[in-house]
Amino acid sequence: MDSEAQKQLVIDALDELKAVNTVSLDVTGMTDVMDFLVIASGTSNRHVKSLADNVCMQAKKQGLRPLGVEGEDTGEWVLVDFGDVVVHVMLPATRDFYDLERLWRPDTPA
């Protein structure tokens, strides 16, 4: 499955459980580590965990397994790494604090 299809699978899985403010960033020109960064918010710790679990479950149905999953214990910020696509599901306050969208925006000065 190519990275574009992986990204769409992730977005669909997040949308299925009503993720808030899902953003997809194409970072191919900025790093060799991944092609897409997908960031979404959940409304509670439980919602964040459920969103990440659904991403993993839908990916598994397509034969795609994450390389790693971090942060499931607290549910404040869960990272799901598929290699070409990295998913961050966060509580809104955590998302605002780390502001990953600004860090990965192509027009942000080094």
PDB file of N, CA and C in Angstrom:
ATOM      1  N   MET A   1       0.853  -1.169   0.000  1.00  0.00           N
ATOM      2  CA  MET A   1       0.000   0.000   0.000  1.00  0.00           C
ATOM      3  C   MET A   1       0.905   1.240   0.000  1.00  0.00           C
ATOM      4  N   ASP A   2       0.675   2.156  -0.934  1.00  0.00           N
ATOM      5  CA  ASP A   2       1.524   3.350  -1.005  1.00  0.00           C
ATOM      6  C   ASP A   2       1.145   4.339   0.105  1.00  0.00           C
ATOM      7  N   SER A   3       1.986   5.347   0.283  1.00  0.00           N
ATOM      8  CA  SER A   3       1.797   6.270   1.400  1.00  0.00           C
ATOM      9  C   SER A   3       0.512   7.087   1.272  1.00  0.00           C
ATOM     10  N   GLU A   4       0.104   7.410   0.062  1.00  0.00           N
ATOM     11  CA  GLU A   4      -1.142   8.159  -0.140  1.00  0.00           C
ATOM     12  C   GLU A   4      -2.344   7.318   0.321  1.00  0.00           C
ATOM     13  N   ALA A   5      -2.336   6.037  -0.012  1.00  0.00           N
ATOM     14  CA  ALA A   5      -3.414   5.131   0.411  1.00  0.00           C
ATOM     15  C   ALA A   5      -3.394   4.932   1.927  1.00  0.00           C
ATOM     16  N   GLN A   6      -2.204   4.838   2.505  1.00  0.00           N
ATOM     17  CA  GLN A   6      -2.076   4.721   3.957  1.00  0.00           C
ATOM     18  C   GLN A   6      -2.655   5.951   4.644  1.00  0.00           C
ATOM     19  N   LYS A   7      -2.319   7.127   4.115  1.00  0.00           N
ATOM     20  CA  LYS A   7      -2.817   8.377   4.678  1.00  0.00           C
ATOM     21  C   LYS A   7      -4.345   8.394   4.644  1.00  0.00           C
ATOM     22  N   GLN A   8      -4.929   8.005   3.523  1.00  0.00           N
ATOM     23  CA  GLN A   8      -6.381   8.024   3.397  1.00  0.00           C
ATOM     24  C   GLN A   8      -7.033   7.024   4.335  1.00  0.00           C
ATOM     25  N   LEU A   9      -6.427   5.856   4.501  1.00  0.00           N
ATOM     26  CA  LEU A   9      -6.936   4.862   5.433  1.00  0.00           C
ATOM     27  C   LEU A   9      -6.961   5.432   6.848  1.00  0.00           C
ATOM     28  N   VAL A  10      -5.893   6.116   7.235  1.00  0.00           N
ATOM     29  CA  VAL A  10      -5.796   6.726   8.571  1.00  0.00           C
ATOM     30  C   VAL A  10      -6.874   7.789   8.746  1.00  0.00           C
ATOM     31  N   ILE A  11      -7.022   8.674   7.761  1.00  0.00           N
ATOM     32  CA  ILE A  11      -8.016   9.745   7.847  1.00  0.00           C
ATOM     33  C   ILE A  11      -9.420   9.166   7.943  1.00  0.00           C
ATOM     34  N   ASP A  12      -9.707   8.145   7.150  1.00  0.00           N
ATOM     35  CA  ASP A  12     -11.029   7.508   7.195  1.00  0.00           C
ATOM     36  C   ASP A  12     -11.293   6.883   8.566  1.00  0.00           C
ATOM     37  N   ALA A  13     -10.277   6.239   9.143  1.00  0.00           N
ATOM     38  CA  ALA A  13     -10.428   5.614  10.465  1.00  0.00           C
ATOM     39  C   ALA A  13     -10.661   6.675  11.534  1.00  0.00           C
ATOM     40  N   LEU A  14      -9.989   7.803  11.430  1.00  0.00           N
ATOM     41  CA  LEU A  14     -10.189   8.897  12.381  1.00  0.00           C
ATOM     42  C   LEU A  14     -11.582   9.508  12.225  1.00  0.00           C
ATOM     43  N   ASP A  15     -11.985   9.717  10.982  1.00  0.00           N
ATOM     44  CA  ASP A  15     -13.313  10.282  10.711  1.00  0.00           C
ATOM     45  C   ASP A  15     -14.433   9.373  11.211  1.00  0.00           C
ATOM     46  N   GLU A  16     -14.200   8.070  11.114  1.00  0.00           N
ATOM     47  CA  GLU A  16     -15.214   7.093  11.531  1.00  0.00           C
ATOM     48  C   GLU A  16     -15.618   7.280  12.994  1.00  0.00           C
ATOM     49  N   LEU A  17     -14.640   7.656  13.829  1.00  0.00           N
ATOM     50  CA  LEU A  17     -14.927   7.852  15.254  1.00  0.00           C
ATOM     51  C   LEU A  17     -14.958   9.334  15.634  1.00  0.00           C
ATOM     52  N   LYS A  18     -15.171  10.172  14.631  1.00  0.00           N
ATOM     53  CA  LYS A  18     -15.383  11.607  14.842  1.00  0.00           C
ATOM     54  C   LYS A  18     -14.206  12.330  15.484  1.00  0.00           C
ATOM     55  N   ALA A  19     -13.015  12.137  14.925  1.00  0.00           N
ATOM     56  CA  ALA A  19     -11.852  12.911  15.359  1.00  0.00           C
ATOM     57  C   ALA A  19     -12.113  14.389  15.088  1.00  0.00           C
ATOM     58  N   VAL A  20     -11.500  15.234  15.871  1.00  0.00           N
ATOM     59  CA  VAL A  20     -11.685  16.678  15.764  1.00  0.00           C
ATOM     60  C   VAL A  20     -10.473  17.291  15.050  1.00  0.00           C
ATOM     61  N   ASN A  21     -10.750  18.157  14.076  1.00  0.00           N
ATOM     62  CA  ASN A  21      -9.718  18.958  13.419  1.00  0.00           C
ATOM     63  C   ASN A  21      -8.554  18.112  12.871  1.00  0.00           C
ATOM     64  N   THR A  22      -8.861  17.144  12.041  1.00  0.00           N
ATOM     65  CA  THR A  22      -7.837  16.295  11.441  1.00  0.00           C
ATOM     66  C   THR A  22      -7.096  17.071  10.350  1.00  0.00           C
ATOM     67  N   VAL A  23      -5.772  17.024  10.425  1.00  0.00           N
ATOM     68  CA  VAL A  23      -4.913  17.722   9.469  1.00  0.00           C
ATOM     69  C   VAL A  23      -3.899  16.725   8.925  1.00  0.00           C
ATOM     70  N   SER A  24      -3.673  16.791   7.615  1.00  0.00           N
ATOM     71  CA  SER A  24      -2.660  15.958   6.976  1.00  0.00           C
ATOM     72  C   SER A  24      -1.595  16.879   6.379  1.00  0.00           C
ATOM     73  N   LEU A  25      -0.340  16.630   6.714  1.00  0.00           N
ATOM     74  CA  LEU A  25       0.760  17.442   6.205  1.00  0.00           C
ATOM     75  C   LEU A  25       1.675  16.587   5.339  1.00  0.00           C
ATOM     76  N   ASP A  26       1.940  17.043   4.123  1.00  0.00           N
ATOM     77  CA  ASP A  26       2.884  16.371   3.230  1.00  0.00           C
ATOM     78  C   ASP A  26       4.272  16.881   3.584  1.00  0.00           C
ATOM     79  N   VAL A  27       5.105  16.022   4.138  1.00  0.00           N
ATOM     80  CA  VAL A  27       6.438  16.428   4.598  1.00  0.00           C
ATOM     81  C   VAL A  27       7.551  15.773   3.774  1.00  0.00           C
ATOM     82  N   THR A  28       7.213  15.333   2.568  1.00  0.00           N
ATOM     83  CA  THR A  28       8.198  14.631   1.745  1.00  0.00           C
ATOM     84  C   THR A  28       9.423  15.490   1.443  1.00  0.00           C
ATOM     85  N   GLY A  29       9.256  16.787   1.289  1.00  0.00           N
ATOM     86  CA  GLY A  29      10.391  17.653   0.994  1.00  0.00           C
ATOM     87  C   GLY A  29      11.178  18.072   2.219  1.00  0.00           C
ATOM     88  N   MET A  30      10.718  17.683   3.406  1.00  0.00           N
ATOM     89  CA  MET A  30      11.341  18.126   4.644  1.00  0.00           C
ATOM     90  C   MET A  30      12.112  17.034   5.377  1.00  0.00           C
ATOM     91  N   THR A  31      11.772  15.766   5.080  1.00  0.00           N
ATOM     92  CA  THR A  31      12.408  14.652   5.782  1.00  0.00           C
ATOM     93  C   THR A  31      12.354  13.399   4.923  1.00  0.00           C
ATOM     94  N   ASP A  32      13.293  12.503   5.162  1.00  0.00           N
ATOM     95  CA  ASP A  32      13.286  11.204   4.491  1.00  0.00           C
ATOM     96  C   ASP A  32      12.629  10.143   5.363  1.00  0.00           C
ATOM     97  N   VAL A  33      12.258  10.513   6.570  1.00  0.00           N
ATOM     98  CA  VAL A  33      11.732   9.566   7.542  1.00  0.00           C
ATOM     99  C   VAL A  33      10.293   9.170   7.246  1.00  0.00           C
ATOM    100  N   MET A  34       9.484  10.118   6.753  1.00  0.00           N
ATOM    101  CA  MET A  34       8.069   9.857   6.493  1.00  0.00           C
ATOM    102  C   MET A  34       7.613  10.728   5.338  1.00  0.00           C
ATOM    103  N   ASP A  35       6.453  10.382   4.788  1.00  0.00           N
ATOM    104  CA  ASP A  35       5.850  11.173   3.717  1.00  0.00           C
ATOM    105  C   ASP A  35       4.732  12.076   4.237  1.00  0.00           C
ATOM    106  N   PHE A  36       3.938  11.554   5.175  1.00  0.00           N
ATOM    107  CA  PHE A  36       2.803  12.308   5.688  1.00  0.00           C
ATOM    108  C   PHE A  36       2.763  12.276   7.203  1.00  0.00           C
ATOM    109  N   LEU A  37       2.335  13.387   7.757  1.00  0.00           N
ATOM    110  CA  LEU A  37       2.082  13.523   9.180  1.00  0.00           C
ATOM    111  C   LEU A  37       0.584  13.811   9.309  1.00  0.00           C
ATOM    112  N   VAL A  38      -0.129  12.979  10.055  1.00  0.00           N
ATOM    113  CA  VAL A  38      -1.559  13.189  10.264  1.00  0.00           C
ATOM    114  C   VAL A  38      -1.746  13.510  11.738  1.00  0.00           C
ATOM    115  N   ILE A  39      -2.416  14.641  11.995  1.00  0.00           N
ATOM    116  CA  ILE A  39      -2.627  15.104  13.361  1.00  0.00           C
ATOM    117  C   ILE A  39      -4.131  15.270  13.573  1.00  0.00           C
ATOM    118  N   ALA A  40      -4.623  14.753  14.700  1.00  0.00           N
ATOM    119  CA  ALA A  40      -6.048  14.874  15.024  1.00  0.00           C
ATOM    120  C   ALA A  40      -6.199  15.016  16.528  1.00  0.00           C
ATOM    121  N   SER A  41      -7.346  15.541  16.927  1.00  0.00           N
ATOM    122  CA  SER A  41      -7.647  15.684  18.354  1.00  0.00           C
ATOM    123  C   SER A  41      -8.810  14.787  18.731  1.00  0.00           C
ATOM    124  N   GLY A  42      -8.783  14.381  20.000  1.00  0.00           N
ATOM    125  CA  GLY A  42      -9.901  13.679  20.597  1.00  0.00           C
ATOM    126  C   GLY A  42     -10.471  14.537  21.711  1.00  0.00           C
ATOM    127  N   THR A  43     -11.678  14.258  22.114  1.00  0.00           N
ATOM    128  CA  THR A  43     -12.352  15.096  23.106  1.00  0.00           C
ATOM    129  C   THR A  43     -12.054  14.700  24.551  1.00  0.00           C
ATOM    130  N   SER A  44     -11.461  13.524  24.735  1.00  0.00           N
ATOM    131  CA  SER A  44     -11.112  13.039  26.078  1.00  0.00           C
ATOM    132  C   SER A  44      -9.995  12.011  25.926  1.00  0.00           C
ATOM    133  N   ASN A  45      -9.412  11.621  27.052  1.00  0.00           N
ATOM    134  CA  ASN A  45      -8.363  10.588  27.012  1.00  0.00           C
ATOM    135  C   ASN A  45      -8.890   9.307  26.379  1.00  0.00           C
ATOM    136  N   ARG A  46     -10.095   8.947  26.748  1.00  0.00           N
ATOM    137  CA  ARG A  46     -10.704   7.726  26.203  1.00  0.00           C
ATOM    138  C   ARG A  46     -10.918   7.852  24.699  1.00  0.00           C
ATOM    139  N   HIS A  47     -11.350   9.030  24.245  1.00  0.00           N
ATOM    140  CA  HIS A  47     -11.572   9.248  22.817  1.00  0.00           C
ATOM    141  C   HIS A  47     -10.253   9.183  22.053  1.00  0.00           C
ATOM    142  N   VAL A  48      -9.201   9.784  22.615  1.00  0.00           N
ATOM    143  CA  VAL A  48      -7.875   9.732  21.982  1.00  0.00           C
ATOM    144  C   VAL A  48      -7.434   8.282  21.814  1.00  0.00           C
ATOM    145  N   LYS A  49      -7.557   7.491  22.879  1.00  0.00           N
ATOM    146  CA  LYS A  49      -7.176   6.078  22.818  1.00  0.00           C
ATOM    147  C   LYS A  49      -8.015   5.320  21.789  1.00  0.00           C
ATOM    148  N   SER A  50      -9.315   5.582  21.769  1.00  0.00           N
ATOM    149  CA  SER A  50     -10.208   4.903  20.828  1.00  0.00           C
ATOM    150  C   SER A  50      -9.869   5.256  19.382  1.00  0.00           C
ATOM    151  N   LEU A  51      -9.557   6.508  19.138  1.00  0.00           N
ATOM    152  CA  LEU A  51      -9.175   6.928  17.782  1.00  0.00           C
ATOM    153  C   LEU A  51      -7.923   6.186  17.333  1.00  0.00           C
ATOM    154  N   ALA A  52      -6.915   6.154  18.188  1.00  0.00           N
ATOM    155  CA  ALA A  52      -5.668   5.462  17.837  1.00  0.00           C
ATOM    156  C   ALA A  52      -5.910   3.965  17.649  1.00  0.00           C
ATOM    157  N   ASP A  53      -6.720   3.378  18.510  1.00  0.00           N
ATOM    158  CA  ASP A  53      -7.044   1.953  18.380  1.00  0.00           C
ATOM    159  C   ASP A  53      -7.753   1.673  17.061  1.00  0.00           C
ATOM    160  N   ASN A  54      -8.674   2.551  16.675  1.00  0.00           N
ATOM    161  CA  ASN A  54      -9.403   2.352  15.427  1.00  0.00           C
ATOM    162  C   ASN A  54      -8.473   2.474  14.219  1.00  0.00           C
ATOM    163  N   VAL A  55      -7.532   3.400  14.280  1.00  0.00           N
ATOM    164  CA  VAL A  55      -6.539   3.517  13.199  1.00  0.00           C
ATOM    165  C   VAL A  55      -5.783   2.194  13.062  1.00  0.00           C
ATOM    166  N   CYS A  56      -5.328   1.652  14.180  1.00  0.00           N
ATOM    167  CA  CYS A  56      -4.582   0.389  14.153  1.00  0.00           C
ATOM    168  C   CYS A  56      -5.450  -0.766  13.657  1.00  0.00           C
ATOM    169  N   MET A  57      -6.692  -0.813  14.117  1.00  0.00           N
ATOM    170  CA  MET A  57      -7.595  -1.900  13.735  1.00  0.00           C
ATOM    171  C   MET A  57      -7.922  -1.849  12.237  1.00  0.00           C
ATOM    172  N   GLN A  58      -8.224  -0.660  11.715  1.00  0.00           N
ATOM    173  CA  GLN A  58      -8.541  -0.538  10.292  1.00  0.00           C
ATOM    174  C   GLN A  58      -7.316  -0.838   9.426  1.00  0.00           C
ATOM    175  N   ALA A  59      -6.156  -0.435   9.888  1.00  0.00           N
ATOM    176  CA  ALA A  59      -4.926  -0.735   9.155  1.00  0.00           C
ATOM    177  C   ALA A  59      -4.665  -2.241   9.132  1.00  0.00           C
ATOM    178  N   LYS A  60      -4.866  -2.882  10.271  1.00  0.00           N
ATOM    179  CA  LYS A  60      -4.656  -4.332  10.359  1.00  0.00           C
ATOM    180  C   LYS A  60      -5.558  -5.082   9.388  1.00  0.00           C
ATOM    181  N   LYS A  61      -6.803  -4.601   9.229  1.00  0.00           N
ATOM    182  CA  LYS A  61      -7.723  -5.224   8.279  1.00  0.00           C
ATOM    183  C   LYS A  61      -7.202  -5.155   6.851  1.00  0.00           C
ATOM    184  N   GLN A  62      -6.362  -4.172   6.570  1.00  0.00           N
ATOM    185  CA  GLN A  62      -5.776  -4.009   5.233  1.00  0.00           C
ATOM    186  C   GLN A  62      -4.374  -4.624   5.148  1.00  0.00           C
ATOM    187  N   GLY A  63      -3.972  -5.341   6.196  1.00  0.00           N
ATOM    188  CA  GLY A  63      -2.667  -5.993   6.197  1.00  0.00           C
ATOM    189  C   GLY A  63      -1.520  -5.065   6.546  1.00  0.00           C
ATOM    190  N   LEU A  64      -1.824  -3.913   7.120  1.00  0.00           N
ATOM    191  CA  LEU A  64      -0.811  -2.925   7.486  1.00  0.00           C
ATOM    192  C   LEU A  64      -0.680  -2.884   9.004  1.00  0.00           C
ATOM    193  N   ARG A  65       0.504  -3.120   9.480  1.00  0.00           N
ATOM    194  CA  ARG A  65       0.740  -3.102  10.925  1.00  0.00           C
ATOM    195  C   ARG A  65       1.643  -1.917  11.280  1.00  0.00           C
ATOM    196  N   PRO A  66       1.339  -1.244  12.391  1.00  0.00           N
ATOM    197  CA  PRO A  66       2.199  -0.124  12.790  1.00  0.00           C
ATOM    198  C   PRO A  66       3.576  -0.611  13.220  1.00  0.00           C
ATOM    199  N   LEU A  67       4.578   0.207  12.962  1.00  0.00           N
ATOM    200  CA  LEU A  67       5.933  -0.084  13.431  1.00  0.00           C
ATOM    201  C   LEU A  67       6.021   0.136  14.935  1.00  0.00           C
ATOM    202  N   GLY A  68       5.178   1.043  15.438  1.00  0.00           N
ATOM    203  CA  GLY A  68       5.160   1.324  16.868  1.00  0.00           C
ATOM    204  C   GLY A  68       3.963   2.163  17.242  1.00  0.00           C
ATOM    205  N   VAL A  69       3.560   2.019  18.501  1.00  0.00           N
ATOM    206  CA  VAL A  69       2.476   2.824  19.069  1.00  0.00           C
ATOM    207  C   VAL A  69       2.963   3.284  20.434  1.00  0.00           C
ATOM    208  N   GLU A  70       2.884   4.589  20.672  1.00  0.00           N
ATOM    209  CA  GLU A  70       3.353   5.159  21.939  1.00  0.00           C
ATOM    210  C   GLU A  70       2.265   6.011  22.561  1.00  0.00           C
ATOM    211  N   GLY A  71       2.178   6.009  23.887  1.00  0.00           N
ATOM    212  CA  GLY A  71       1.305   6.915  24.606  1.00  0.00           C
ATOM    213  C   GLY A  71      -0.080   6.393  24.927  1.00  0.00           C
ATOM    214  N   GLU A  72      -0.338   5.141  24.643  1.00  0.00           N
ATOM    215  CA  GLU A  72      -1.674   4.588  24.904  1.00  0.00           C
ATOM    216  C   GLU A  72      -2.006   4.543  26.396  1.00  0.00           C
ATOM    217  N   ASP A  73      -0.998   4.493  27.237  1.00  0.00           N
ATOM    218  CA  ASP A  73      -1.239   4.377  28.672  1.00  0.00           C
ATOM    219  C   ASP A  73      -1.922   5.615  29.247  1.00  0.00           C
ATOM    220  N   THR A  74      -1.558   6.811  28.793  1.00  0.00           N
ATOM    221  CA  THR A  74      -2.178   8.018  29.350  1.00  0.00           C
ATOM    222  C   THR A  74      -3.314   8.544  28.483  1.00  0.00           C
ATOM    223  N   GLY A  75      -3.200   8.390  27.171  1.00  0.00           N
ATOM    224  CA  GLY A  75      -4.251   8.854  26.283  1.00  0.00           C
ATOM    225  C   GLY A  75      -4.248  10.352  26.054  1.00  0.00           C
ATOM    226  N   GLU A  76      -3.198  11.011  26.486  1.00  0.00           N
ATOM    227  CA  GLU A  76      -3.081  12.457  26.249  1.00  0.00           C
ATOM    228  C   GLU A  76      -2.546  12.732  24.845  1.00  0.00           C
ATOM    229  N   TRP A  77      -1.639  11.855  24.407  1.00  0.00           N
ATOM    230  CA  TRP A  77      -1.030  11.969  23.084  1.00  0.00           C
ATOM    231  C   TRP A  77      -0.627  10.562  22.665  1.00  0.00           C
ATOM    232  N   VAL A  78      -1.239  10.050  21.618  1.00  0.00           N
ATOM    233  CA  VAL A  78      -0.889   8.722  21.116  1.00  0.00           C
ATOM    234  C   VAL A  78      -0.285   8.889  19.729  1.00  0.00           C
ATOM    235  N   LEU A  79       0.880   8.292  19.541  1.00  0.00           N
ATOM    236  CA  LEU A  79       1.573   8.318  18.263  1.00  0.00           C
ATOM    237  C   LEU A  79       1.505   6.922  17.653  1.00  0.00           C
ATOM    238  N   VAL A  80       1.089   6.847  16.392  1.00  0.00           N
ATOM    239  CA  VAL A  80       1.041   5.574  15.669  1.00  0.00           C
ATOM    240  C   VAL A  80       1.943   5.743  14.450  1.00  0.00           C
ATOM    241  N   ASP A  81       2.980   4.928  14.367  1.00  0.00           N
ATOM    242  CA  ASP A  81       3.983   5.047  13.308  1.00  0.00           C
ATOM    243  C   ASP A  81       3.828   3.915  12.297  1.00  0.00           C
ATOM    244  N   PHE A  82       3.467   4.290  11.063  1.00  0.00           N
ATOM    245  CA  PHE A  82       3.373   3.326   9.978  1.00  0.00           C
ATOM    246  C   PHE A  82       4.568   3.435   9.032  1.00  0.00           C
ATOM    247  N   GLY A  83       5.578   4.185   9.407  1.00  0.00           N
ATOM    248  CA  GLY A  83       6.731   4.376   8.541  1.00  0.00           C
ATOM    249  C   GLY A  83       6.522   5.575   7.634  1.00  0.00           C
ATOM    250  N   ASP A  84       5.807   5.387   6.549  1.00  0.00           N
ATOM    251  CA  ASP A  84       5.551   6.485   5.608  1.00  0.00           C
ATOM    252  C   ASP A  84       4.530   7.482   6.140  1.00  0.00           C
ATOM    253  N   VAL A  85       3.676   7.038   7.036  1.00  0.00           N
ATOM    254  CA  VAL A  85       2.641   7.898   7.627  1.00  0.00           C
ATOM    255  C   VAL A  85       2.764   7.794   9.147  1.00  0.00           C
ATOM    256  N   VAL A  86       2.882   8.951   9.789  1.00  0.00           N
ATOM    257  CA  VAL A  86       2.950   9.001  11.247  1.00  0.00           C
ATOM    258  C   VAL A  86       1.725   9.764  11.735  1.00  0.00           C
ATOM    259  N   VAL A  87       1.024   9.161  12.690  1.00  0.00           N
ATOM    260  CA  VAL A  87      -0.238   9.698  13.186  1.00  0.00           C
ATOM    261  C   VAL A  87      -0.062  10.168  14.623  1.00  0.00           C
ATOM    262  N   HIS A  88      -0.515  11.397  14.888  1.00  0.00           N
ATOM    263  CA  HIS A  88      -0.526  11.943  16.242  1.00  0.00           C
ATOM    264  C   HIS A  88      -1.977  12.227  16.606  1.00  0.00           C
ATOM    265  N   VAL A  89      -2.466  11.584  17.663  1.00  0.00           N
ATOM    266  CA  VAL A  89      -3.811  11.859  18.168  1.00  0.00           C
ATOM    267  C   VAL A  89      -3.632  12.435  19.561  1.00  0.00           C
ATOM    268  N   MET A  90      -4.161  13.649  19.769  1.00  0.00           N
ATOM    269  CA  MET A  90      -3.888  14.376  21.009  1.00  0.00           C
ATOM    270  C   MET A  90      -5.138  15.001  21.594  1.00  0.00           C
ATOM    271  N   LEU A  91      -5.046  15.287  22.883  1.00  0.00           N
ATOM    272  CA  LEU A  91      -6.034  16.155  23.498  1.00  0.00           C
ATOM    273  C   LEU A  91      -5.796  17.571  22.972  1.00  0.00           C
ATOM    274  N   PRO A  92      -6.821  18.400  22.869  1.00  0.00           N
ATOM    275  CA  PRO A  92      -6.647  19.748  22.328  1.00  0.00           C
ATOM    276  C   PRO A  92      -5.585  20.583  23.053  1.00  0.00           C
ATOM    277  N   ALA A  93      -5.520  20.527  24.379  1.00  0.00           N
ATOM    278  CA  ALA A  93      -4.531  21.312  25.122  1.00  0.00           C
ATOM    279  C   ALA A  93      -3.108  20.855  24.790  1.00  0.00           C
ATOM    280  N   THR A  94      -2.908  19.562  24.663  1.00  0.00           N
ATOM    281  CA  THR A  94      -1.597  19.025  24.298  1.00  0.00           C
ATOM    282  C   THR A  94      -1.233  19.447  22.886  1.00  0.00           C
ATOM    283  N   ARG A  95      -2.198  19.382  21.998  1.00  0.00           N
ATOM    284  CA  ARG A  95      -1.971  19.781  20.604  1.00  0.00           C
ATOM    285  C   ARG A  95      -1.609  21.259  20.507  1.00  0.00           C
ATOM    286  N   ASP A  96      -2.306  22.081  21.246  1.00  0.00           N
ATOM    287  CA  ASP A  96      -1.995  23.511  21.244  1.00  0.00           C
ATOM    288  C   ASP A  96      -0.601  23.777  21.800  1.00  0.00           C
ATOM    289  N   PHE A  97      -0.240  23.069  22.860  1.00  0.00           N
ATOM    290  CA  PHE A  97       1.058  23.282  23.493  1.00  0.00           C
ATOM    291  C   PHE A  97       2.221  22.927  22.562  1.00  0.00           C
ATOM    292  N   TYR A  98       2.158  21.768  21.909  1.00  0.00           N
ATOM    293  CA  TYR A  98       3.262  21.321  21.053  1.00  0.00           C
ATOM    294  C   TYR A  98       3.201  21.898  19.647  1.00  0.00           C
ATOM    295  N   ASP A  99       2.025  22.260  19.173  1.00  0.00           N
ATOM    296  CA  ASP A  99       1.826  22.953  17.892  1.00  0.00           C
ATOM    297  C   ASP A  99       2.642  22.327  16.749  1.00  0.00           C
ATOM    298  N   LEU A 100       2.458  21.032  16.541  1.00  0.00           N
ATOM    299  CA  LEU A 100       3.194  20.314  15.503  1.00  0.00           C
ATOM    300  C   LEU A 100       2.943  20.879  14.104  1.00  0.00           C
ATOM    301  N   GLU A 101       1.727  21.374  13.877  1.00  0.00           N
ATOM    302  CA  GLU A 101       1.432  21.942  12.554  1.00  0.00           C
ATOM    303  C   GLU A 101       2.383  23.091  12.234  1.00  0.00           C
ATOM    304  N   ARG A 102       2.668  23.929  13.202  1.00  0.00           N
ATOM    305  CA  ARG A 102       3.591  25.050  12.975  1.00  0.00           C
ATOM    306  C   ARG A 102       5.013  24.542  12.759  1.00  0.00           C
ATOM    307  N   LEU A 103       5.408  23.553  13.531  1.00  0.00           N
ATOM    308  CA  LEU A 103       6.773  23.025  13.409  1.00  0.00           C
ATOM    309  C   LEU A 103       7.035  22.397  12.047  1.00  0.00           C
ATOM    310  N   TRP A 104       6.007  21.766  11.463  1.00  0.00           N
ATOM    311  CA  TRP A 104       6.182  21.060  10.194  1.00  0.00           C
ATOM    312  C   TRP A 104       5.690  21.851   8.988  1.00  0.00           C
ATOM    313  N   ARG A 105       5.250  23.079   9.201  1.00  0.00           N
ATOM    314  CA  ARG A 105       4.812  23.913   8.088  1.00  0.00           C
ATOM    315  C   ARG A 105       6.044  24.271   7.242  1.00  0.00           C
ATOM    316  N   PRO A 106       5.951  24.134   5.905  1.00  0.00           N
ATOM    317  CA  PRO A 106       7.127  24.371   5.058  1.00  0.00           C
ATOM    318  C   PRO A 106       7.655  25.802   5.112  1.00  0.00           C
ATOM    319  N   ASP A 107       6.823  26.774   5.455  1.00  0.00           N
ATOM    320  CA  ASP A 107       7.269  28.164   5.459  1.00  0.00           C
ATOM    321  C   ASP A 107       7.814  28.601   6.815  1.00  0.00           C
ATOM    322  N   THR A 108       7.954  27.684   7.780  1.00  0.00           N
ATOM    323  CA  THR A 108       8.490  28.021   9.094  1.00  0.00           C
ATOM    324  C   THR A 108      10.017  28.146   8.989  1.00  0.00           C
ATOM    325  N   PRO A 109      10.583  29.279   9.434  1.00  0.00           N
ATOM    326  CA  PRO A 109      12.035  29.438   9.372  1.00  0.00           C
ATOM    327  C   PRO A 109      12.762  28.446  10.275  1.00  0.00           C
ATOM    328  N   ALA A 110      13.933  28.050   9.860  1.00  0.00           N
ATOM    329  CA  ALA A 110      14.724  27.076  10.640  1.00  0.00           C
ATOM    330  C   ALA A 110      15.264  27.700  11.902  1.00  0.00           C
TER     331      ALA A 110
END
